[in-house]
Amino acid sequence: MSPPGQRTRRMNAALREVLAEALGTLSDPRVGFVTITHVEAAPDTTTAKVYFTSLNPDDRANSLAGLESARGVLQGRVAGALRTKHTPQLHFGYDEQSERAERLTRLIDELAAPDPPE
């Protein structure tokens, strides 16, 4: 997959900003402490994949259900804020990069730790 063009990068940043602000106004308790980590809009901007993390990884399924339920409200916010010809259809997914990074860091720390004296 080729890197996004400047227009797509701007759209990704704008979507992330609008969605991050909109999350604070949602009253659905399932959403909880969710952070939008990044957005990947399609080059034609008809769809956008929204990646999020949750303060408690165990709440991942509930957070996803809450975001899916609020999709219409969030798309409405995007439509009002961006004023583009077409509003991208939002698709949500959990961002597992931070968990992978933590696991890698733990493994590296374990390998780098000096052997205990015998």
Foldseek 3Di string as FASTA:
>chain_A
DDDADPVQVVVWVLLQVLLQVVVVVDPDCLLPAKHFDTKGADNVRQAIETEIEHPDNVSQVSNQVSCVVCQVVSQVSQCVPVVDPHGHRYHYDYDCVVVVVVVVVVVVCVVPDDDDDD
